[in-house]
N, C-alpha and C. Protein backbone atom coordinates (compact mmCIF):
# COMPACT_ATOMS: atom_id res chain seq x y z
N LEU A 1 10.87 13.00 -0.29
CA LEU A 1 10.56 13.16 1.13
C LEU A 1 9.16 12.62 1.43
N VAL A 2 8.20 12.98 0.61
CA VAL A 2 6.83 12.51 0.84
C VAL A 2 6.78 11.00 0.78
N GLN A 3 7.45 10.43 -0.20
CA GLN A 3 7.46 8.98 -0.35
C GLN A 3 8.02 8.31 0.90
N SER A 4 9.09 8.87 1.44
CA SER A 4 9.70 8.24 2.61
C SER A 4 8.77 8.29 3.83
N VAL A 5 7.99 9.34 3.95
CA VAL A 5 7.03 9.42 5.07
C VAL A 5 5.99 8.32 4.96
N PHE A 6 5.52 8.08 3.74
CA PHE A 6 4.47 7.09 3.56
C PHE A 6 4.96 5.66 3.50
N LYS A 7 6.12 5.44 2.94
CA LYS A 7 6.58 4.07 2.73
C LYS A 7 7.51 3.55 3.82
N LYS A 8 8.22 4.42 4.51
CA LYS A 8 9.15 3.98 5.54
C LYS A 8 8.54 4.23 6.91
N GLN A 9 7.71 3.34 7.32
CA GLN A 9 7.01 3.51 8.59
C GLN A 9 7.86 2.88 9.70
N ASN A 10 8.91 3.57 10.07
CA ASN A 10 9.84 3.06 11.09
C ASN A 10 9.40 3.52 12.48
N MET A 11 8.37 2.93 12.99
CA MET A 11 7.88 3.31 14.31
C MET A 11 8.26 2.24 15.31
N SER A 12 8.98 2.66 16.34
CA SER A 12 9.39 1.72 17.38
C SER A 12 9.29 2.43 18.72
N GLN A 13 9.29 1.67 19.77
CA GLN A 13 9.25 2.25 21.11
C GLN A 13 10.48 3.11 21.36
N GLU A 14 11.61 2.64 20.88
CA GLU A 14 12.86 3.39 21.06
C GLU A 14 12.79 4.74 20.35
N ALA A 15 12.28 4.76 19.13
CA ALA A 15 12.16 6.02 18.38
C ALA A 15 11.17 6.96 19.08
N LEU A 16 10.06 6.41 19.55
CA LEU A 16 9.06 7.22 20.24
C LEU A 16 9.66 7.86 21.49
N GLU A 17 10.38 7.07 22.27
CA GLU A 17 11.00 7.60 23.49
C GLU A 17 12.01 8.69 23.17
N SER A 18 12.74 8.54 22.09
CA SER A 18 13.71 9.55 21.66
C SER A 18 13.02 10.86 21.30
N VAL A 19 11.94 10.75 20.54
CA VAL A 19 11.18 11.94 20.14
C VAL A 19 10.56 12.61 21.36
N LEU A 20 9.96 11.82 22.24
CA LEU A 20 9.33 12.38 23.43
C LEU A 20 10.36 13.10 24.31
N LYS A 21 11.51 12.51 24.46
CA LYS A 21 12.56 13.13 25.27
C LYS A 21 12.96 14.49 24.69
N ARG A 22 13.17 14.51 23.37
CA ARG A 22 13.55 15.76 22.70
C ARG A 22 12.45 16.81 22.83
N GLU A 23 11.21 16.40 22.62
CA GLU A 23 10.10 17.36 22.68
C GLU A 23 9.85 17.86 24.09
N LYS A 24 10.03 17.01 25.08
CA LYS A 24 9.87 17.45 26.47
C LYS A 24 10.92 18.49 26.83
N THR A 25 12.13 18.31 26.34
CA THR A 25 13.18 19.30 26.57
C THR A 25 12.81 20.62 25.90
N THR A 26 12.33 20.54 24.68
CA THR A 26 11.91 21.74 23.95
C THR A 26 10.80 22.46 24.70
N LEU A 27 9.80 21.71 25.16
CA LEU A 27 8.69 22.32 25.88
C LEU A 27 9.14 22.94 27.20
N SER A 28 10.05 22.28 27.87
CA SER A 28 10.56 22.81 29.14
C SER A 28 11.27 24.14 28.93
N ASN A 29 11.92 24.29 27.79
CA ASN A 29 12.66 25.52 27.50
C ASN A 29 11.80 26.60 26.85
N ARG A 30 10.59 26.23 26.44
CA ARG A 30 9.73 27.17 25.72
C ARG A 30 9.40 28.40 26.55
N SER A 31 9.18 28.23 27.83
CA SER A 31 8.78 29.38 28.66
C SER A 31 9.87 30.43 28.78
N SER A 32 11.12 30.05 28.56
CA SER A 32 12.20 31.03 28.64
C SER A 32 12.45 31.72 27.31
N ASP A 33 11.75 31.33 26.27
CA ASP A 33 11.89 31.94 24.95
C ASP A 33 10.71 32.89 24.73
N ARG A 34 10.99 34.19 24.74
CA ARG A 34 9.92 35.19 24.62
C ARG A 34 9.14 35.06 23.32
N ASP A 35 9.84 34.78 22.22
CA ASP A 35 9.15 34.66 20.94
C ASP A 35 8.19 33.48 20.94
N SER A 36 8.63 32.38 21.49
CA SER A 36 7.80 31.19 21.56
C SER A 36 6.58 31.43 22.46
N THR A 37 6.81 32.06 23.58
CA THR A 37 5.72 32.37 24.50
C THR A 37 4.71 33.28 23.83
N PHE A 38 5.19 34.29 23.12
CA PHE A 38 4.31 35.21 22.41
C PHE A 38 3.48 34.46 21.38
N GLU A 39 4.12 33.58 20.63
CA GLU A 39 3.42 32.83 19.59
C GLU A 39 2.32 31.96 20.17
N VAL A 40 2.60 31.30 21.29
CA VAL A 40 1.60 30.45 21.94
C VAL A 40 0.39 31.29 22.38
N ILE A 41 0.65 32.41 23.02
CA ILE A 41 -0.44 33.27 23.50
C ILE A 41 -1.21 33.86 22.33
N TYR A 42 -0.48 34.33 21.32
CA TYR A 42 -1.10 34.93 20.14
C TYR A 42 -2.03 33.94 19.44
N THR A 43 -1.54 32.72 19.25
CA THR A 43 -2.34 31.70 18.58
C THR A 43 -3.57 31.35 19.41
N ALA A 44 -3.40 31.18 20.70
CA ALA A 44 -4.53 30.83 21.56
C ALA A 44 -5.60 31.92 21.52
N LEU A 45 -5.19 33.18 21.59
CA LEU A 45 -6.15 34.28 21.58
C LEU A 45 -6.87 34.41 20.24
N ASN A 46 -6.15 34.19 19.16
CA ASN A 46 -6.72 34.40 17.84
C ASN A 46 -7.45 33.19 17.28
N THR A 47 -7.44 32.10 17.98
CA THR A 47 -8.19 30.92 17.54
C THR A 47 -9.23 30.52 18.57
N LYS A 48 -9.48 31.41 19.52
CA LYS A 48 -10.44 31.15 20.59
C LYS A 48 -10.13 29.84 21.30
N GLU A 49 -8.83 29.59 21.47
CA GLU A 49 -8.32 28.41 22.14
C GLU A 49 -8.89 27.11 21.57
N GLU A 50 -8.97 27.06 20.25
CA GLU A 50 -9.41 25.84 19.56
C GLU A 50 -8.49 24.69 19.97
N PRO A 51 -9.04 23.62 20.54
CA PRO A 51 -8.20 22.55 21.08
C PRO A 51 -7.16 21.99 20.10
N GLY A 52 -7.52 21.82 18.84
CA GLY A 52 -6.59 21.26 17.88
C GLY A 52 -5.46 22.17 17.50
N LEU A 53 -5.58 23.44 17.86
CA LEU A 53 -4.54 24.41 17.52
C LEU A 53 -3.70 24.83 18.72
N LEU A 54 -4.04 24.34 19.89
CA LEU A 54 -3.25 24.66 21.08
C LEU A 54 -1.94 23.87 21.04
N PRO A 55 -0.89 24.44 21.58
CA PRO A 55 0.38 23.71 21.57
C PRO A 55 0.32 22.49 22.48
N VAL A 56 1.14 21.54 22.16
CA VAL A 56 1.23 20.32 22.96
C VAL A 56 1.84 20.68 24.31
N SER A 57 1.31 20.07 25.35
CA SER A 57 1.83 20.32 26.70
C SER A 57 2.55 19.08 27.21
N LEU A 58 3.27 19.24 28.29
CA LEU A 58 3.93 18.09 28.92
C LEU A 58 2.90 17.05 29.36
N LYS A 59 1.75 17.53 29.82
CA LYS A 59 0.67 16.62 30.23
C LYS A 59 0.17 15.81 29.03
N ASP A 60 0.06 16.47 27.87
CA ASP A 60 -0.36 15.76 26.65
C ASP A 60 0.60 14.62 26.33
N MET A 61 1.87 14.87 26.53
CA MET A 61 2.88 13.87 26.18
C MET A 61 2.82 12.64 27.07
N GLU A 62 2.25 12.78 28.24
CA GLU A 62 2.11 11.63 29.13
C GLU A 62 1.13 10.61 28.56
N ASN A 63 0.24 11.07 27.67
CA ASN A 63 -0.77 10.19 27.09
C ASN A 63 -0.35 9.55 25.77
N VAL A 64 0.86 9.82 25.33
CA VAL A 64 1.34 9.28 24.06
C VAL A 64 1.81 7.84 24.26
N SER A 65 1.40 6.99 23.35
CA SER A 65 1.86 5.60 23.37
C SER A 65 2.13 5.18 21.93
N LEU A 66 2.92 4.15 21.76
CA LEU A 66 3.24 3.66 20.42
C LEU A 66 1.97 3.21 19.70
N ASP A 67 1.06 2.57 20.40
CA ASP A 67 -0.21 2.14 19.78
C ASP A 67 -0.99 3.33 19.25
N LYS A 68 -1.06 4.42 20.04
CA LYS A 68 -1.79 5.61 19.60
C LYS A 68 -1.11 6.25 18.39
N VAL A 69 0.22 6.26 18.39
CA VAL A 69 0.96 6.83 17.26
C VAL A 69 0.67 6.03 16.00
N ILE A 70 0.73 4.72 16.10
CA ILE A 70 0.48 3.86 14.93
C ILE A 70 -0.96 4.00 14.46
N ASN A 71 -1.90 4.05 15.38
CA ASN A 71 -3.32 4.21 15.00
C ASN A 71 -3.56 5.55 14.32
N PHE A 72 -2.96 6.62 14.85
CA PHE A 72 -3.14 7.92 14.22
C PHE A 72 -2.51 7.93 12.83
N TYR A 73 -1.28 7.42 12.73
CA TYR A 73 -0.60 7.38 11.44
C TYR A 73 -1.45 6.62 10.41
N THR A 74 -1.96 5.47 10.82
CA THR A 74 -2.77 4.66 9.91
C THR A 74 -4.01 5.42 9.45
N SER A 75 -4.71 6.07 10.38
CA SER A 75 -5.92 6.78 10.00
C SER A 75 -5.63 8.04 9.19
N ALA A 76 -4.49 8.67 9.43
CA ALA A 76 -4.18 9.92 8.74
C ALA A 76 -3.50 9.73 7.40
N PHE A 77 -2.81 8.62 7.21
CA PHE A 77 -1.99 8.48 6.01
C PHE A 77 -2.21 7.20 5.22
N THR A 78 -3.33 6.53 5.40
CA THR A 78 -3.56 5.28 4.69
C THR A 78 -4.36 5.48 3.41
N ASN A 79 -5.25 6.43 3.37
CA ASN A 79 -6.13 6.58 2.23
C ASN A 79 -5.73 7.78 1.38
N PRO A 80 -5.00 7.57 0.27
CA PRO A 80 -4.57 8.69 -0.57
C PRO A 80 -5.73 9.47 -1.18
N GLU A 81 -6.94 8.91 -1.16
CA GLU A 81 -8.10 9.66 -1.67
C GLU A 81 -8.31 10.96 -0.89
N ASP A 82 -7.82 11.01 0.34
CA ASP A 82 -8.00 12.19 1.18
C ASP A 82 -6.90 13.23 0.97
N PHE A 83 -5.90 12.94 0.15
CA PHE A 83 -4.76 13.83 0.00
C PHE A 83 -4.98 14.83 -1.13
N SER A 84 -4.31 15.94 -1.02
CA SER A 84 -4.22 16.91 -2.10
C SER A 84 -2.75 17.13 -2.38
N LEU A 85 -2.40 17.12 -3.64
CA LEU A 85 -1.02 17.33 -4.04
C LEU A 85 -0.99 18.57 -4.91
N ILE A 86 -0.18 19.52 -4.52
CA ILE A 86 -0.05 20.76 -5.27
C ILE A 86 1.39 20.85 -5.75
N ILE A 87 1.54 20.96 -7.04
CA ILE A 87 2.87 21.05 -7.64
C ILE A 87 2.98 22.43 -8.27
N VAL A 88 4.01 23.16 -7.88
CA VAL A 88 4.21 24.49 -8.43
C VAL A 88 5.58 24.58 -9.07
N GLY A 89 5.71 25.50 -9.97
CA GLY A 89 7.00 25.72 -10.59
C GLY A 89 6.95 25.46 -12.08
N ASP A 90 8.10 25.58 -12.69
CA ASP A 90 8.24 25.36 -14.12
C ASP A 90 8.50 23.88 -14.33
N VAL A 91 7.43 23.10 -14.55
CA VAL A 91 7.56 21.66 -14.66
C VAL A 91 7.06 21.19 -16.02
N GLU A 92 7.50 20.02 -16.40
CA GLU A 92 6.98 19.36 -17.59
C GLU A 92 5.92 18.38 -17.12
N PRO A 93 4.66 18.63 -17.46
CA PRO A 93 3.56 17.83 -16.93
C PRO A 93 3.73 16.32 -17.09
N GLU A 94 4.19 15.85 -18.25
CA GLU A 94 4.32 14.41 -18.47
C GLU A 94 5.38 13.81 -17.54
N LYS A 95 6.53 14.48 -17.43
CA LYS A 95 7.58 13.97 -16.55
C LYS A 95 7.13 14.01 -15.10
N THR A 96 6.44 15.09 -14.74
CA THR A 96 5.98 15.25 -13.36
C THR A 96 4.98 14.16 -13.01
N MET A 97 4.04 13.87 -13.90
CA MET A 97 3.06 12.80 -13.63
C MET A 97 3.77 11.46 -13.50
N GLY A 98 4.80 11.25 -14.30
CA GLY A 98 5.57 10.02 -14.19
C GLY A 98 6.21 9.88 -12.82
N LEU A 99 6.77 10.98 -12.33
CA LEU A 99 7.39 10.96 -11.00
C LEU A 99 6.35 10.72 -9.91
N VAL A 100 5.21 11.38 -10.03
CA VAL A 100 4.14 11.21 -9.04
C VAL A 100 3.68 9.75 -9.02
N LYS A 101 3.46 9.18 -10.20
CA LYS A 101 3.02 7.78 -10.26
C LYS A 101 4.10 6.84 -9.72
N ASN A 102 5.35 7.14 -10.03
CA ASN A 102 6.46 6.30 -9.59
C ASN A 102 6.61 6.32 -8.07
N TYR A 103 6.54 7.50 -7.47
CA TYR A 103 6.81 7.61 -6.03
C TYR A 103 5.57 7.45 -5.16
N LEU A 104 4.43 7.85 -5.65
CA LEU A 104 3.23 7.81 -4.80
C LEU A 104 2.17 6.84 -5.30
N GLY A 105 2.32 6.35 -6.50
CA GLY A 105 1.29 5.49 -7.10
C GLY A 105 1.12 4.14 -6.43
N LEU A 106 2.13 3.70 -5.71
CA LEU A 106 2.06 2.38 -5.09
C LEU A 106 1.63 2.43 -3.62
N LEU A 107 1.19 3.58 -3.18
CA LEU A 107 0.76 3.68 -1.78
C LEU A 107 -0.45 2.79 -1.54
N LYS A 108 -0.46 2.20 -0.35
CA LYS A 108 -1.60 1.39 0.06
C LYS A 108 -2.83 2.29 0.04
N ASN A 109 -3.92 1.80 -0.49
CA ASN A 109 -5.15 2.59 -0.55
C ASN A 109 -6.28 1.79 0.07
N ASP A 110 -6.61 2.12 1.28
CA ASP A 110 -7.70 1.45 1.97
C ASP A 110 -8.78 2.49 2.22
N SER A 111 -9.74 2.57 1.30
CA SER A 111 -10.76 3.61 1.40
C SER A 111 -11.72 3.41 2.56
N SER A 112 -11.64 2.26 3.24
CA SER A 112 -12.48 2.06 4.43
C SER A 112 -11.95 2.86 5.63
N ILE A 113 -10.67 3.26 5.54
CA ILE A 113 -10.07 4.03 6.63
C ILE A 113 -10.23 5.50 6.30
N LYS A 114 -10.86 6.24 7.17
CA LYS A 114 -11.10 7.66 6.94
C LYS A 114 -10.15 8.48 7.80
N SER A 115 -9.63 9.54 7.21
CA SER A 115 -8.72 10.43 7.94
C SER A 115 -9.46 11.08 9.09
N PRO A 116 -8.71 11.41 10.15
CA PRO A 116 -9.35 12.11 11.26
C PRO A 116 -9.84 13.47 10.81
N CYS A 117 -10.97 13.84 11.28
CA CYS A 117 -11.52 15.16 10.96
C CYS A 117 -10.69 16.21 11.68
N CYS A 118 -10.95 17.42 11.37
CA CYS A 118 -10.24 18.51 12.04
C CYS A 118 -10.32 18.30 13.54
N LEU A 119 -9.18 18.53 14.20
CA LEU A 119 -9.13 18.31 15.65
C LEU A 119 -9.92 19.36 16.39
């Protein structure tokens, strides 16, 4: 799954419009869901309305563009030096390292691109 996120960068205007349509529907229905409403209020109160932790609004979605999506993706997922990988479970270290190198070892590494800081 991780490999597909990094290697299959299928970003298109059509895909963006599909995602935006789905998310706008979800947001429109959020106010009628008591649990969702509670979660939004709870999070806002307990994080002092930290901008990066506030839920996305319909107004926020008006500012989304394919260029912004591609730029964010590039800055957030181009430099593996910024990543942390945690593997848990009953694993064989040698086999696991082989899998990690096989699936993630070929990622583009451009250390001049820095990940966005906390929002």
